[in-house]
């Protein structure tokens, strides 16, 4: 049986729910462990956006490892309720938004909010990462030295304004990390 949990930091071992909701695809522990090993120097004191948050696993992992604030966005009300349950006992700055990614990114721009880490893990078949990257750059949502972590399978990602700093493959899953 699959279990979703926080793998490191102050909430290590915390069980998370929501991995079995239709349309979700949790980041497996070994991928998450490798990913957070790669970005560990960016986490402490960061403000994080978990776009297409699902269960909130990536944003929660970031909070567990020293992020000071996290924004969770998903357009599925069932997943919004899961994120609320998964973050209920956490004494952190947490913002949960039920919205599609386009409206959420525009709202964040209009609120002058910038991020140090943005997690993009959209449904694989929709090929949304390129559009998200364009909007993030256009809306200036990334702090200087901030990173964008993309998890995908087959999508062809294009963006001339960002620099690819890491490209890893884990079975059928791929991770690309971009910086301005």
Protein backbone atom coordinates (compact mmCIF):
# COMPACT_ATOMS: atom_id res chain seq x y z
CA UNK A 1 0.00 0.00 0.00
CA UNK A 2 1.26 3.48 -0.88
CA UNK A 3 1.78 5.84 2.02
CA UNK A 4 2.45 9.51 1.57
CA UNK A 5 4.53 11.13 4.27
CA UNK A 6 6.92 13.97 5.00
CA UNK A 7 10.41 12.56 4.47
CA UNK A 8 12.62 15.08 6.30
CA UNK A 9 12.75 18.13 8.52
CA UNK A 10 10.69 19.07 11.54
CA UNK A 11 7.55 17.25 10.30
CA UNK A 12 9.46 14.10 9.26
CA UNK A 13 7.22 11.05 9.40
CA UNK A 14 3.96 13.04 9.29
CA UNK A 15 1.44 11.01 7.32
CA UNK A 16 -0.36 12.84 4.53
CA UNK A 17 -3.69 11.95 2.99
CA UNK A 18 -4.86 12.48 -0.57
CA UNK A 19 -2.54 10.31 -2.65
CA UNK A 20 -5.45 8.16 -3.79
CA UNK A 21 -7.75 10.96 -5.02
CA UNK A 22 -8.63 10.62 -8.70
CA UNK A 23 -6.38 12.84 -10.79
CA UNK A 24 -3.54 12.98 -8.26
CA UNK A 25 -0.15 11.46 -8.75
CA UNK A 26 2.02 11.85 -5.68
CA UNK A 27 5.75 12.43 -5.94
CA UNK A 28 7.26 9.19 -4.65
CA UNK A 29 9.60 9.32 -1.66
CA UNK A 30 12.81 8.56 -3.59
CA UNK A 31 12.06 11.29 -6.14
CA UNK A 32 11.10 13.75 -3.39
CA UNK A 33 14.23 12.88 -1.39
CA UNK A 34 16.48 13.44 -4.40
CA UNK A 35 14.67 16.65 -5.37
CA UNK A 36 14.91 18.14 -1.90
CA UNK A 37 18.58 17.14 -1.74
CA UNK A 38 19.15 19.16 -4.92
CA UNK A 39 17.29 22.28 -3.70
CA UNK A 40 18.18 22.12 0.02
CA UNK A 41 20.29 25.30 -0.12
CA UNK A 42 17.29 27.27 -1.43
CA UNK A 43 14.71 26.16 1.15
CA UNK A 44 15.62 27.84 4.45
CA UNK A 45 13.73 31.13 4.78
CA UNK A 46 11.99 30.73 1.41
CA UNK A 47 8.49 31.61 0.27
CA UNK A 48 7.06 28.71 -1.73
CA UNK A 49 4.29 28.29 -4.30
CA UNK A 50 2.91 24.77 -4.75
CA UNK A 51 0.88 25.22 -7.95
CA UNK A 52 -1.29 22.21 -8.85
CA UNK A 53 -0.74 21.28 -5.19
CA UNK A 54 -2.76 18.06 -5.03
CA UNK A 55 -2.27 16.82 -1.46
CA UNK A 56 0.20 19.66 -0.75
CA UNK A 57 3.07 17.23 -0.33
CA UNK A 58 5.80 19.37 -1.97
CA UNK A 59 4.87 22.59 -0.18
CA UNK A 60 4.56 20.75 3.14
CA UNK A 61 7.99 19.16 2.62
CA UNK A 62 9.43 22.63 1.97
CA UNK A 63 7.83 23.98 5.18
CA UNK A 64 9.21 21.00 7.08
CA UNK A 65 12.69 21.90 5.85
CA UNK A 66 12.69 25.61 6.66
CA UNK A 67 10.45 27.51 4.26
CA UNK A 68 8.76 30.35 6.11
CA UNK A 69 5.60 30.62 4.03
CA UNK A 70 3.73 28.46 1.52
CA UNK A 71 0.95 29.05 -0.98
CA UNK A 72 -1.02 26.01 -2.11
CA UNK A 73 -3.15 26.26 -5.28
CA UNK A 74 -5.49 23.64 -6.69
CA UNK A 75 -8.81 23.88 -8.52
CA UNK A 76 -10.28 20.68 -7.03
CA UNK A 77 -12.35 21.37 -3.88
CA UNK A 78 -11.73 17.84 -2.61
CA UNK A 79 -7.97 18.44 -2.79
CA UNK A 80 -8.32 21.87 -1.15
CA UNK A 81 -9.99 20.11 1.80
CA UNK A 82 -7.18 17.50 1.84
CA UNK A 83 -4.54 20.28 1.94
CA UNK A 84 -6.43 21.88 4.85
CA UNK A 85 -6.38 18.56 6.71
CA UNK A 86 -2.72 17.89 5.90
CA UNK A 87 -1.66 21.34 7.16
CA UNK A 88 -4.13 21.62 10.07
CA UNK A 89 -1.67 21.07 12.92
CA UNK A 90 1.21 22.96 11.35
CA UNK A 91 2.11 26.27 12.95
CA UNK A 92 3.20 27.91 9.69
CA UNK A 93 2.22 30.74 7.34
CA UNK A 94 -0.02 28.82 4.96
CA UNK A 95 -2.28 30.18 2.22
CA UNK A 96 -4.66 27.81 0.42
CA UNK A 97 -6.31 28.95 -2.80
CA UNK A 98 -9.01 27.15 -4.77
CA UNK A 99 -8.31 28.40 -8.25
CA UNK A 100 -7.12 27.38 -11.67
CA UNK A 101 -3.47 28.18 -12.31
CA UNK A 102 -4.12 31.13 -14.67
CA UNK A 103 -6.31 33.04 -12.21
CA UNK A 104 -4.04 32.15 -9.29
CA UNK A 105 -0.90 33.44 -11.03
CA UNK A 106 -2.67 36.66 -11.98
CA UNK A 107 -3.99 37.15 -8.44
CA UNK A 108 -0.50 36.57 -6.99
CA UNK A 109 0.94 39.11 -9.48
CA UNK A 110 -1.72 41.67 -8.53
CA UNK A 111 -0.91 41.06 -4.85
CA UNK A 112 2.81 41.71 -5.51
CA UNK A 113 3.79 38.32 -4.10
CA UNK A 114 7.08 36.81 -5.23
CA UNK A 115 8.48 33.37 -4.60
CA UNK A 116 11.83 31.75 -3.94
CA UNK A 117 10.63 28.30 -5.01
CA UNK A 118 7.75 27.43 -7.33
CA UNK A 119 6.70 23.80 -7.72
CA UNK A 120 4.95 22.95 -11.00
CA UNK A 121 3.50 19.45 -11.04
CA UNK A 122 0.42 19.72 -13.29
CA UNK A 123 -1.56 16.78 -14.64
CA UNK A 124 0.87 15.24 -17.12
CA UNK A 125 -1.48 14.94 -20.09
CA UNK A 126 -2.41 18.65 -20.15
CA UNK A 127 1.08 19.99 -21.08
CA UNK A 128 0.75 23.15 -18.97
CA UNK A 129 4.34 23.75 -17.85
CA UNK A 130 5.41 25.96 -20.78
CA UNK A 131 2.34 28.19 -20.29
CA UNK A 132 3.01 28.38 -16.54
CA UNK A 133 6.66 29.32 -17.09
CA UNK A 134 5.66 32.08 -19.53
CA UNK A 135 3.18 33.54 -17.03
CA UNK A 136 5.64 33.30 -14.11
CA UNK A 137 8.24 35.24 -16.10
CA UNK A 138 5.72 37.73 -17.53
CA UNK A 139 4.21 38.41 -14.10
CA UNK A 140 7.65 38.60 -12.44
CA UNK A 141 6.67 36.12 -9.71
CA UNK A 142 10.15 34.76 -9.01
CA UNK A 143 12.60 36.43 -6.65
CA UNK A 144 16.19 36.92 -7.74
CA UNK A 145 17.95 33.52 -7.38
CA UNK A 146 14.52 31.85 -7.14
CA UNK A 147 13.90 28.50 -8.78
CA UNK A 148 11.07 26.74 -10.56
CA UNK A 149 10.84 22.98 -10.11
CA UNK A 150 8.95 21.18 -12.89
CA UNK A 151 7.81 17.57 -12.63
CA UNK A 152 6.51 15.97 -15.81
CA UNK A 153 6.61 12.91 -18.09
CA UNK A 154 6.59 13.63 -21.83
CA UNK A 155 5.95 17.35 -22.14
CA UNK A 156 8.24 19.41 -24.34
CA UNK A 157 9.11 22.45 -22.23
CA UNK A 158 10.13 25.71 -23.90
CA UNK A 159 11.25 29.00 -22.40
CA UNK A 160 14.07 31.24 -23.61
CA UNK A 161 14.03 33.56 -20.59
CA UNK A 162 14.88 30.91 -18.00
CA UNK A 163 18.09 28.97 -17.46
CA UNK A 164 17.89 25.22 -16.97
CA UNK A 165 20.07 24.42 -13.95
CA UNK A 166 19.15 20.76 -13.36
CA UNK A 167 17.63 18.00 -15.47
CA UNK A 168 16.99 14.59 -13.84
CA UNK A 169 15.06 11.47 -14.79
CA UNK A 170 13.47 8.99 -12.37
CA UNK A 171 11.89 6.19 -14.37
CA UNK A 172 9.08 7.82 -16.36
CA UNK A 173 9.17 11.01 -14.23
CA UNK A 174 11.41 13.91 -15.14
CA UNK A 175 12.43 16.92 -13.08
CA UNK A 176 13.73 20.17 -14.55
CA UNK A 177 14.80 23.09 -12.38
CA UNK A 178 14.92 26.58 -13.87
CA UNK A 179 16.27 29.91 -12.69
CA UNK A 180 16.01 33.39 -14.23
